[in-house]
Amino acid sequence: MIKHLIMKIQGLHLMNSSYKNILIALIIFLNTNLMAVDTAENFYQTNCKACHTIGGGSLIGPDLMNVEARKDREWLINWIDDPAAILASGDEYANKIFEESNKVPMIKSSGITKEIAAELLDYIAKISADGGEKEVVWEAPKFTTEDISTGRSYFTGTLKFENGAPPCVSCHTVNSIPGLGGGRLGVNLTDVYSRLGESRGLSVWLKAPPTATMVPIFSKHALNEQEITSLMAFFKNEVEVQSRPQFASVANFFLYGILGTVVFFSIFGAIWANRFKAVRRPMVKGSK
């Protein structure tokens, strides 16, 4: 479209060539900036929105509204480009963010460059100047026992995701899965509900998981709303189960311990008694 417009301008015989060049340069400049904003917006929606808002409050990570008022632009570009390196350097502000985010580290986004980081900051500044993102009133969903059961089925893979995403258990596990069940490639997700900001943070995260391994998969096999709700219910229940006093488990532990002790001493006593008879009896008989 831009190329066609430039050709049209070049074909205008009544316009001075200098004016033509100025107009063409202006069109190219405006188009380049619009493309940069569009690229930054798409990048933000894909890689940043799962953990951040612009004016909507903190999720997993901090609210990015007027972020350049809190930290200088050069530091922010380096942080967006390689957060792990800044955190590993012992940077005080980076560690502060890490602690405030429940020790969930910011992940280096796939395809990020310092140029894209600068465009992201320009996009954030633009949205901030407009008053932030459109406010969405968040209402925490009310989960049912059926939601919990369905979420567990999605997690373990007994119920397939509609768009073909792999089951969570391929890479992850939770404490309620006994023995060696569950994957070990990813982190244990028992506390993911509380760690990622409960329903609000987790729901956004599940819509577009931002990790390097999950982006290529879930960008093509996104979860639907019903699947997200069921998984949130399951993860919330996992946190609640872990926090309950485990009286039954403790009682069983002591009961099995007592029974085991009784069995051990019974066997030991029998062995010892037989040993005594085996040694003393021949000696008694020999003395007669």
C-alpha atoms as a PDB file:
ATOM      1  CA  MET A   1       0.000   0.000   0.000  1.00  0.00           C
ATOM      2  CA  ILE A   2       2.804   2.436   0.936  1.00  0.00           C
ATOM      3  CA  LYS A   3       4.746   1.494  -2.191  1.00  0.00           C
ATOM      4  CA  HIS A   4       1.641   2.149  -4.323  1.00  0.00           C
ATOM      5  CA  LEU A   5       1.124   5.552  -2.659  1.00  0.00           C
ATOM      6  CA  ILE A   6       4.741   6.559  -3.287  1.00  0.00           C
ATOM      7  CA  MET A   7       4.403   5.599  -6.955  1.00  0.00           C
ATOM      8  CA  LYS A   8       1.268   7.741  -7.186  1.00  0.00           C
ATOM      9  CA  ILE A   9       3.116  10.753  -5.756  1.00  0.00           C
ATOM     10  CA  GLN A  10       6.038  10.228  -8.090  1.00  0.00           C
ATOM     11  CA  GLY A  11       3.591  10.258 -11.009  1.00  0.00           C
ATOM     12  CA  LEU A  12       2.174  13.692 -10.121  1.00  0.00           C
ATOM     13  CA  HIS A  13       3.391  16.039 -12.866  1.00  0.00           C
ATOM     14  CA  LEU A  14       2.036  19.239 -11.304  1.00  0.00           C
ATOM     15  CA  MET A  15       4.010  18.893  -8.062  1.00  0.00           C
ATOM     16  CA  ASN A  16       7.547  20.214  -7.645  1.00  0.00           C
ATOM     17  CA  SER A  17      10.122  17.383  -7.297  1.00  0.00           C
ATOM     18  CA  SER A  18      11.404  18.824  -3.995  1.00  0.00           C
ATOM     19  CA  TYR A  19       7.902  18.722  -2.515  1.00  0.00           C
ATOM     20  CA  LYS A  20       7.493  15.179  -3.814  1.00  0.00           C
ATOM     21  CA  ASN A  21      10.672  14.066  -2.021  1.00  0.00           C
ATOM     22  CA  ILE A  22       9.630  15.778   1.218  1.00  0.00           C
ATOM     23  CA  LEU A  23       6.171  14.158   1.083  1.00  0.00           C
ATOM     24  CA  ILE A  24       7.626  10.719   0.328  1.00  0.00           C
ATOM     25  CA  ALA A  25      10.137  11.051   3.206  1.00  0.00           C
ATOM     26  CA  LEU A  26       7.311  12.055   5.556  1.00  0.00           C
ATOM     27  CA  ILE A  27       5.205   9.049   4.538  1.00  0.00           C
ATOM     28  CA  ILE A  28       8.137   6.657   5.026  1.00  0.00           C
ATOM     29  CA  PHE A  29       8.909   8.200   8.436  1.00  0.00           C
ATOM     30  CA  LEU A  30       5.315   7.921   9.652  1.00  0.00           C
ATOM     31  CA  ASN A  31       4.981   4.383   8.316  1.00  0.00           C
ATOM     32  CA  THR A  32       8.204   3.290  10.045  1.00  0.00           C
ATOM     33  CA  ASN A  33       7.034   4.654  13.396  1.00  0.00           C
ATOM     34  CA  LEU A  34       3.590   3.107  13.057  1.00  0.00           C
ATOM     35  CA  MET A  35       5.196  -0.255  12.242  1.00  0.00           C
ATOM     36  CA  ALA A  36       7.435   0.074  15.312  1.00  0.00           C
ATOM     37  CA  VAL A  37       4.439   0.740  17.555  1.00  0.00           C
ATOM     38  CA  ASP A  38       2.563  -2.170  15.989  1.00  0.00           C
ATOM     39  CA  THR A  39       5.572  -4.476  16.459  1.00  0.00           C
ATOM     40  CA  ALA A  40       6.011  -3.357  20.068  1.00  0.00           C
ATOM     41  CA  GLU A  41       2.302  -3.806  20.799  1.00  0.00           C
ATOM     42  CA  ASN A  42       2.298  -7.336  19.382  1.00  0.00           C
ATOM     43  CA  PHE A  43       5.447  -8.160  21.328  1.00  0.00           C
ATOM     44  CA  TYR A  44       3.903  -6.784  24.522  1.00  0.00           C
ATOM     45  CA  GLN A  45       0.695  -8.777  24.053  1.00  0.00           C
ATOM     46  CA  THR A  46       2.620 -12.008  23.382  1.00  0.00           C
ATOM     47  CA  ASN A  47       5.487 -11.760  25.862  1.00  0.00           C
ATOM     48  CA  CYS A  48       4.719  -9.187  28.558  1.00  0.00           C
ATOM     49  CA  LYS A  49       0.987  -9.146  29.239  1.00  0.00           C
ATOM     50  CA  ALA A  50       1.009 -12.489  31.054  1.00  0.00           C
ATOM     51  CA  CYS A  51       2.926 -10.904  33.941  1.00  0.00           C
ATOM     52  CA  HIS A  52       2.387  -7.137  33.651  1.00  0.00           C
ATOM     53  CA  THR A  53      -0.209  -4.438  33.101  1.00  0.00           C
ATOM     54  CA  ILE A  54       0.118  -0.792  32.137  1.00  0.00           C
ATOM     55  CA  GLY A  55      -1.963   0.968  34.760  1.00  0.00           C
ATOM     56  CA  GLY A  56      -3.964  -2.074  35.851  1.00  0.00           C
ATOM     57  CA  GLY A  57      -1.941  -2.939  38.947  1.00  0.00           C
ATOM     58  CA  SER A  58       0.612  -5.633  39.647  1.00  0.00           C
ATOM     59  CA  LEU A  59       0.148  -9.187  38.412  1.00  0.00           C
ATOM     60  CA  ILE A  60       3.116 -11.538  38.691  1.00  0.00           C
ATOM     61  CA  GLY A  61       5.421  -8.634  37.900  1.00  0.00           C
ATOM     62  CA  PRO A  62       5.059  -4.910  38.608  1.00  0.00           C
ATOM     63  CA  ASP A  63       2.694  -2.463  36.919  1.00  0.00           C
ATOM     64  CA  LEU A  64       4.593  -0.818  34.022  1.00  0.00           C
ATOM     65  CA  MET A  65       2.697   2.496  34.131  1.00  0.00           C
ATOM     66  CA  ASN A  66       5.289   5.318  33.796  1.00  0.00           C
ATOM     67  CA  VAL A  67       8.077   2.795  34.360  1.00  0.00           C
ATOM     68  CA  GLU A  68      10.745   5.215  33.102  1.00  0.00           C
ATOM     69  CA  ALA A  69       9.950   7.499  36.034  1.00  0.00           C
ATOM     70  CA  ARG A  70      11.152   4.719  38.361  1.00  0.00           C
ATOM     71  CA  LYS A  71      14.301   3.633  36.531  1.00  0.00           C
ATOM     72  CA  ASP A  72      16.448   5.109  33.769  1.00  0.00           C
ATOM     73  CA  ARG A  73      15.937   4.021  30.169  1.00  0.00           C
ATOM     74  CA  GLU A  74      19.374   2.443  29.678  1.00  0.00           C
ATOM     75  CA  TRP A  75      18.933   0.189  32.715  1.00  0.00           C
ATOM     76  CA  LEU A  76      15.442  -0.820  31.565  1.00  0.00           C
ATOM     77  CA  ILE A  77      16.653  -1.711  28.060  1.00  0.00           C
ATOM     78  CA  ASN A  78      19.421  -3.902  29.517  1.00  0.00           C
ATOM     79  CA  TRP A  79      16.946  -5.464  31.957  1.00  0.00           C
ATOM     80  CA  ILE A  80      14.403  -6.317  29.233  1.00  0.00           C
ATOM     81  CA  ASP A  81      17.185  -7.628  26.984  1.00  0.00           C
ATOM     82  CA  ASP A  82      18.771  -9.952  29.580  1.00  0.00           C
ATOM     83  CA  PRO A  83      17.090  -9.951  33.011  1.00  0.00           C
ATOM     84  CA  ALA A  84      18.970 -13.030  34.262  1.00  0.00           C
ATOM     85  CA  ALA A  85      22.346 -11.320  33.774  1.00  0.00           C
ATOM     86  CA  ILE A  86      21.227  -8.191  35.648  1.00  0.00           C
ATOM     87  CA  LEU A  87      19.802 -10.294  38.493  1.00  0.00           C
ATOM     88  CA  ALA A  88      22.946 -12.433  38.691  1.00  0.00           C
ATOM     89  CA  SER A  89      25.088  -9.301  38.924  1.00  0.00           C
ATOM     90  CA  GLY A  90      23.562  -8.579  42.327  1.00  0.00           C
ATOM     91  CA  ASP A  91      21.789  -5.425  41.143  1.00  0.00           C
ATOM     92  CA  GLU A  92      19.811  -4.055  44.100  1.00  0.00           C
ATOM     93  CA  TYR A  93      16.766  -2.905  42.128  1.00  0.00           C
ATOM     94  CA  ALA A  94      16.567  -6.178  40.156  1.00  0.00           C
ATOM     95  CA  ASN A  95      16.644  -8.179  43.381  1.00  0.00           C
ATOM     96  CA  LYS A  96      13.939  -5.934  44.844  1.00  0.00           C
ATOM     97  CA  ILE A  97      11.673  -6.743  41.870  1.00  0.00           C
ATOM     98  CA  PHE A  98      12.526 -10.435  42.245  1.00  0.00           C
ATOM     99  CA  GLU A  99      11.501 -10.459  45.920  1.00  0.00           C
ATOM    100  CA  GLU A 100       8.296  -8.481  45.272  1.00  0.00           C
ATOM    101  CA  SER A 101       7.354 -10.949  42.509  1.00  0.00           C
ATOM    102  CA  ASN A 102       7.343 -13.930  44.908  1.00  0.00           C
ATOM    103  CA  LYS A 103      10.795 -14.863  43.619  1.00  0.00           C
ATOM    104  CA  VAL A 104       9.438 -15.575  40.135  1.00  0.00           C
ATOM    105  CA  PRO A 105      12.283 -14.486  37.843  1.00  0.00           C
ATOM    106  CA  MET A 106      11.643 -12.431  34.734  1.00  0.00           C
ATOM    107  CA  ILE A 107      12.368 -14.554  31.668  1.00  0.00           C
ATOM    108  CA  LYS A 108      14.284 -13.408  28.608  1.00  0.00           C
ATOM    109  CA  SER A 109      11.718 -13.188  25.832  1.00  0.00           C
ATOM    110  CA  SER A 110      12.342 -15.113  22.640  1.00  0.00           C
ATOM    111  CA  GLY A 111      13.553 -12.796  19.866  1.00  0.00           C
ATOM    112  CA  ILE A 112      14.185  -9.825  22.152  1.00  0.00           C
ATOM    113  CA  THR A 113      16.826  -7.273  21.156  1.00  0.00           C
ATOM    114  CA  LYS A 114      17.812  -3.919  22.600  1.00  0.00           C
ATOM    115  CA  GLU A 115      16.073  -2.260  19.657  1.00  0.00           C
ATOM    116  CA  ILE A 116      12.804  -4.060  20.430  1.00  0.00           C
ATOM    117  CA  ALA A 117      13.274  -3.252  24.122  1.00  0.00           C
ATOM    118  CA  ALA A 118      13.515   0.456  23.238  1.00  0.00           C
ATOM    119  CA  GLU A 119      10.359   0.192  21.108  1.00  0.00           C
ATOM    120  CA  LEU A 120       8.578  -1.531  24.012  1.00  0.00           C
ATOM    121  CA  LEU A 121       9.465   1.359  26.308  1.00  0.00           C
ATOM    122  CA  ASP A 122       8.121   3.813  23.710  1.00  0.00           C
ATOM    123  CA  TYR A 123       4.883   1.811  23.531  1.00  0.00           C
ATOM    124  CA  ILE A 124       4.575   1.698  27.330  1.00  0.00           C
ATOM    125  CA  ALA A 125       5.213   5.447  27.514  1.00  0.00           C
ATOM    126  CA  LYS A 126       2.494   6.065  24.899  1.00  0.00           C
ATOM    127  CA  ILE A 127      -0.076   3.920  26.743  1.00  0.00           C
ATOM    128  CA  SER A 128       0.924   5.533  30.051  1.00  0.00           C
ATOM    129  CA  ALA A 129       0.419   9.011  28.579  1.00  0.00           C
ATOM    130  CA  ASP A 130      -3.064   7.937  27.438  1.00  0.00           C
ATOM    131  CA  GLY A 131      -3.966   6.946  30.993  1.00  0.00           C
ATOM    132  CA  GLY A 132      -2.991   3.273  30.834  1.00  0.00           C
ATOM    133  CA  GLU A 133      -4.707   0.217  29.454  1.00  0.00           C
ATOM    134  CA  LYS A 134      -8.477   0.052  29.455  1.00  0.00           C
ATOM    135  CA  GLU A 135      -9.464  -0.945  32.966  1.00  0.00           C
ATOM    136  CA  VAL A 136     -11.020  -4.353  33.346  1.00  0.00           C
ATOM    137  CA  VAL A 137     -12.898  -5.090  36.562  1.00  0.00           C
ATOM    138  CA  TRP A 138     -11.607  -8.405  37.835  1.00  0.00           C
ATOM    139  CA  GLU A 139     -13.955 -10.807  39.570  1.00  0.00           C
ATOM    140  CA  ALA A 140     -12.413 -13.977  40.953  1.00  0.00           C
ATOM    141  CA  PRO A 141     -14.255 -17.036  39.595  1.00  0.00           C
ATOM    142  CA  LYS A 142     -16.080 -19.387  41.938  1.00  0.00           C
ATOM    143  CA  PHE A 143     -14.844 -22.926  41.421  1.00  0.00           C
ATOM    144  CA  THR A 144     -16.866 -26.106  41.822  1.00  0.00           C
ATOM    145  CA  THR A 145     -15.766 -29.629  42.737  1.00  0.00           C
ATOM    146  CA  GLU A 146     -16.431 -30.534  39.105  1.00  0.00           C
ATOM    147  CA  ASP A 147     -14.005 -27.795  37.993  1.00  0.00           C
ATOM    148  CA  ILE A 148     -11.328 -29.267  40.285  1.00  0.00           C
ATOM    149  CA  SER A 149     -11.892 -32.788  38.962  1.00  0.00           C
ATOM    150  CA  THR A 150     -11.867 -31.615  35.340  1.00  0.00           C
ATOM    151  CA  GLY A 151      -8.715 -29.568  35.948  1.00  0.00           C
ATOM    152  CA  ARG A 152      -6.955 -32.623  37.354  1.00  0.00           C
ATOM    153  CA  SER A 153      -7.992 -34.595  34.267  1.00  0.00           C
ATOM    154  CA  TYR A 154      -6.531 -31.882  32.004  1.00  0.00           C
ATOM    155  CA  PHE A 155      -3.351 -31.808  34.089  1.00  0.00           C
ATOM    156  CA  THR A 156      -2.815 -35.571  33.962  1.00  0.00           C
ATOM    157  CA  GLY A 157      -3.842 -35.910  30.314  1.00  0.00           C
ATOM    158  CA  THR A 158      -6.866 -38.170  30.839  1.00  0.00           C
ATOM    159  CA  LEU A 159      -8.866 -35.314  29.289  1.00  0.00           C
ATOM    160  CA  LYS A 160      -7.402 -33.788  26.117  1.00  0.00           C
ATOM    161  CA  PHE A 161      -7.103 -30.048  25.479  1.00  0.00           C
ATOM    162  CA  GLU A 162      -9.352 -28.884  22.643  1.00  0.00           C
ATOM    163  CA  ASN A 163      -6.568 -27.257  20.582  1.00  0.00           C
ATOM    164  CA  GLY A 164      -4.084 -30.093  20.973  1.00  0.00           C
ATOM    165  CA  ALA A 165      -1.810 -28.714  23.714  1.00  0.00           C
ATOM    166  CA  PRO A 166       0.202 -31.395  25.549  1.00  0.00           C
ATOM    167  CA  PRO A 167      -0.908 -32.305  29.089  1.00  0.00           C
ATOM    168  CA  CYS A 168       0.799 -30.464  31.938  1.00  0.00           C
ATOM    169  CA  VAL A 169       2.041 -33.742  33.397  1.00  0.00           C
ATOM    170  CA  SER A 170       4.381 -34.142  30.409  1.00  0.00           C
ATOM    171  CA  CYS A 171       6.765 -31.695  32.056  1.00  0.00           C
ATOM    172  CA  HIS A 172       5.345 -30.927  35.519  1.00  0.00           C
ATOM    173  CA  THR A 173       4.045 -32.590  38.650  1.00  0.00           C
ATOM    174  CA  VAL A 174       2.188 -31.688  41.855  1.00  0.00           C
ATOM    175  CA  ASN A 175       2.560 -33.177  45.323  1.00  0.00           C
ATOM    176  CA  SER A 176      -0.799 -34.944  45.190  1.00  0.00           C
ATOM    177  CA  ILE A 177       0.393 -37.202  42.367  1.00  0.00           C
ATOM    178  CA  PRO A 178       1.872 -40.204  44.187  1.00  0.00           C
ATOM    179  CA  GLY A 179       5.244 -41.849  43.693  1.00  0.00           C
ATOM    180  CA  LEU A 180       7.206 -40.870  40.614  1.00  0.00           C
ATOM    181  CA  GLY A 181       4.141 -39.697  38.709  1.00  0.00           C
ATOM    182  CA  GLY A 182       4.417 -36.479  36.733  1.00  0.00           C
ATOM    183  CA  GLY A 183       7.158 -34.902  34.690  1.00  0.00           C
ATOM    184  CA  ARG A 184      10.414 -33.512  36.024  1.00  0.00           C
ATOM    185  CA  LEU A 185      11.454 -31.274  33.111  1.00  0.00           C
ATOM    186  CA  GLY A 186       9.544 -28.277  34.524  1.00  0.00           C
ATOM    187  CA  VAL A 187       9.009 -26.979  38.037  1.00  0.00           C
ATOM    188  CA  ASN A 188       6.654 -28.532  40.565  1.00  0.00           C
ATOM    189  CA  LEU A 189       3.328 -26.673  40.218  1.00  0.00           C
ATOM    190  CA  THR A 190       1.836 -27.406  43.653  1.00  0.00           C
ATOM    191  CA  ASP A 191       2.061 -23.761  44.741  1.00  0.00           C
ATOM    192  CA  VAL A 192       1.694 -22.125  41.309  1.00  0.00           C
ATOM    193  CA  TYR A 193      -1.736 -20.664  42.191  1.00  0.00           C
ATOM    194  CA  SER A 194      -0.368 -18.586  45.072  1.00  0.00           C
ATOM    195  CA  ARG A 195       3.025 -17.976  43.459  1.00  0.00           C
ATOM    196  CA  LEU A 196       1.606 -16.419  40.282  1.00  0.00           C
ATOM    197  CA  GLY A 197      -0.944 -14.132  41.916  1.00  0.00           C
ATOM    198  CA  GLU A 198      -3.919 -16.457  42.375  1.00  0.00           C
ATOM    199  CA  SER A 199      -6.792 -16.383  39.843  1.00  0.00           C
ATOM    200  CA  ARG A 200      -6.020 -13.032  38.246  1.00  0.00           C
ATOM    201  CA  GLY A 201      -2.327 -13.576  37.613  1.00  0.00           C
ATOM    202  CA  LEU A 202      -2.592 -17.270  36.803  1.00  0.00           C
ATOM    203  CA  SER A 203      -5.455 -16.811  34.333  1.00  0.00           C
ATOM    204  CA  VAL A 204      -3.470 -14.253  32.324  1.00  0.00           C
ATOM    205  CA  TRP A 205      -0.386 -16.464  32.468  1.00  0.00           C
ATOM    206  CA  LEU A 206      -2.281 -19.518  31.217  1.00  0.00           C
ATOM    207  CA  LYS A 207      -3.696 -17.554  28.278  1.00  0.00           C
ATOM    208  CA  ALA A 208      -0.186 -16.843  26.978  1.00  0.00           C
ATOM    209  CA  PRO A 209       2.569 -18.680  28.887  1.00  0.00           C
ATOM    210  CA  PRO A 210       5.690 -16.529  28.334  1.00  0.00           C
ATOM    211  CA  THR A 211       8.497 -19.038  28.934  1.00  0.00           C
ATOM    212  CA  ALA A 212      10.873 -19.933  26.116  1.00  0.00           C
ATOM    213  CA  THR A 213       9.728 -23.563  26.013  1.00  0.00           C
ATOM    214  CA  MET A 214       6.006 -22.823  26.225  1.00  0.00           C
ATOM    215  CA  VAL A 215       5.638 -19.914  23.774  1.00  0.00           C
ATOM    216  CA  PRO A 216       6.206 -22.057  20.625  1.00  0.00           C
ATOM    217  CA  ILE A 217       3.692 -24.649  21.869  1.00  0.00           C
ATOM    218  CA  PHE A 218       0.870 -22.546  23.290  1.00  0.00           C
ATOM    219  CA  SER A 219       1.006 -19.850  20.604  1.00  0.00           C
ATOM    220  CA  LYS A 220      -0.303 -22.575  18.275  1.00  0.00           C
ATOM    221  CA  HIS A 221      -2.322 -24.580  20.815  1.00  0.00           C
ATOM    222  CA  ALA A 222      -3.905 -21.982  23.096  1.00  0.00           C
ATOM    223  CA  LEU A 223      -6.097 -23.054  26.011  1.00  0.00           C
ATOM    224  CA  ASN A 224      -9.753 -22.016  25.967  1.00  0.00           C
ATOM    225  CA  GLU A 225     -11.543 -20.260  28.837  1.00  0.00           C
ATOM    226  CA  GLN A 226     -13.142 -23.422  30.205  1.00  0.00           C
ATOM    227  CA  GLU A 227      -9.789 -25.241  30.279  1.00  0.00           C
ATOM    228  CA  ILE A 228      -8.128 -22.290  32.025  1.00  0.00           C
ATOM    229  CA  THR A 229     -10.900 -22.130  34.648  1.00  0.00           C
ATOM    230  CA  SER A 230     -10.633 -25.860  35.344  1.00  0.00           C
ATOM    231  CA  LEU A 231      -6.847 -25.737  35.686  1.00  0.00           C
ATOM    232  CA  MET A 232      -7.074 -22.749  38.046  1.00  0.00           C
ATOM    233  CA  ALA A 233      -9.573 -24.653  40.192  1.00  0.00           C
ATOM    234  CA  PHE A 234      -7.226 -27.644  40.319  1.00  0.00           C
ATOM    235  CA  PHE A 235      -4.181 -25.528  41.224  1.00  0.00           C
ATOM    236  CA  LYS A 236      -6.136 -23.601  43.875  1.00  0.00           C
ATOM    237  CA  ASN A 237      -7.219 -26.883  45.426  1.00  0.00           C
ATOM    238  CA  GLU A 238      -3.598 -28.103  45.442  1.00  0.00           C
ATOM    239  CA  VAL A 239      -2.575 -25.084  47.541  1.00  0.00           C
ATOM    240  CA  GLU A 240      -5.493 -25.596  49.940  1.00  0.00           C
ATOM    241  CA  VAL A 241      -4.783 -29.323  50.354  1.00  0.00           C
ATOM    242  CA  GLN A 242      -1.133 -28.611  51.157  1.00  0.00           C
ATOM    243  CA  SER A 243      -2.074 -25.988  53.762  1.00  0.00           C
ATOM    244  CA  ARG A 244      -4.525 -28.204  55.668  1.00  0.00           C
ATOM    245  CA  PRO A 245      -3.299 -29.859  58.886  1.00  0.00           C
ATOM    246  CA  GLN A 246      -2.473 -33.420  57.965  1.00  0.00           C
ATOM    247  CA  PHE A 247      -3.721 -35.057  61.197  1.00  0.00           C
ATOM    248  CA  ALA A 248      -4.647 -38.315  59.504  1.00  0.00           C
ATOM    249  CA  SER A 249      -1.231 -38.597  57.890  1.00  0.00           C
ATOM    250  CA  VAL A 250       0.548 -37.911  61.185  1.00  0.00           C
ATOM    251  CA  ALA A 251      -1.626 -40.460  63.026  1.00  0.00           C
ATOM    252  CA  ASN A 252      -0.957 -43.063  60.341  1.00  0.00           C
ATOM    253  CA  PHE A 253       2.760 -42.359  60.562  1.00  0.00           C
ATOM    254  CA  PHE A 254       2.829 -43.041  64.304  1.00  0.00           C
ATOM    255  CA  LEU A 255       0.537 -46.070  63.986  1.00  0.00           C
ATOM    256  CA  TYR A 256       2.709 -47.654  61.320  1.00  0.00           C
ATOM    257  CA  GLY A 257       5.765 -46.774  63.379  1.00  0.00           C
ATOM    258  CA  ILE A 258       4.409 -48.557  66.460  1.00  0.00           C
ATOM    259  CA  LEU A 259       3.343 -51.607  64.445  1.00  0.00           C
ATOM    260  CA  GLY A 260       6.719 -51.723  62.756  1.00  0.00           C
ATOM    261  CA  THR A 261       8.489 -51.570  66.122  1.00  0.00           C
ATOM    262  CA  VAL A 262       6.359 -54.391  67.528  1.00  0.00           C
ATOM    263  CA  VAL A 263       7.012 -56.575  64.477  1.00  0.00           C
ATOM    264  CA  PHE A 264      10.743 -55.828  64.614  1.00  0.00           C
ATOM    265  CA  PHE A 265      11.120 -56.778  68.293  1.00  0.00           C
ATOM    266  CA  SER A 266       8.931 -59.876  67.842  1.00  0.00           C
ATOM    267  CA  ILE A 267      11.159 -61.131  65.034  1.00  0.00           C
ATOM    268  CA  PHE A 268      14.311 -60.155  66.935  1.00  0.00           C
ATOM    269  CA  GLY A 269      13.042 -61.946  70.083  1.00  0.00           C
ATOM    270  CA  ALA A 270      12.276 -65.098  68.150  1.00  0.00           C
ATOM    271  CA  ILE A 271      15.718 -65.117  66.561  1.00  0.00           C
ATOM    272  CA  TRP A 272      17.419 -64.489  69.873  1.00  0.00           C
ATOM    273  CA  ALA A 273      15.429 -67.247  71.602  1.00  0.00           C
ATOM    274  CA  ASN A 274      16.323 -69.755  68.900  1.00  0.00           C
ATOM    275  CA  ARG A 275      19.947 -68.718  69.157  1.00  0.00           C
ATOM    276  CA  PHE A 276      19.884 -69.362  72.910  1.00  0.00           C
ATOM    277  CA  LYS A 277      18.369 -72.844  72.449  1.00  0.00           C
ATOM    278  CA  ALA A 278      20.764 -73.713  69.662  1.00  0.00           C
ATOM    279  CA  VAL A 279      23.799 -72.914  71.823  1.00  0.00           C
ATOM    280  CA  ARG A 280      22.688 -74.069  75.308  1.00  0.00           C
ATOM    281  CA  ARG A 281      20.851 -77.297  74.421  1.00  0.00           C
ATOM    282  CA  PRO A 282      23.909 -79.165  73.071  1.00  0.00           C
ATOM    283  CA  MET A 283      25.904 -77.975  76.079  1.00  0.00           C
ATOM    284  CA  VAL A 284      23.252 -79.285  78.522  1.00  0.00           C
ATOM    285  CA  LYS A 285      23.000 -82.616  76.747  1.00  0.00           C
ATOM    286  CA  GLY A 286      26.783 -82.996  76.713  1.00  0.00           C
ATOM    287  CA  SER A 287      27.028 -82.473  80.430  1.00  0.00           C
ATOM    288  CA  LYS A 288      24.708 -85.408  81.199  1.00  0.00           C
END
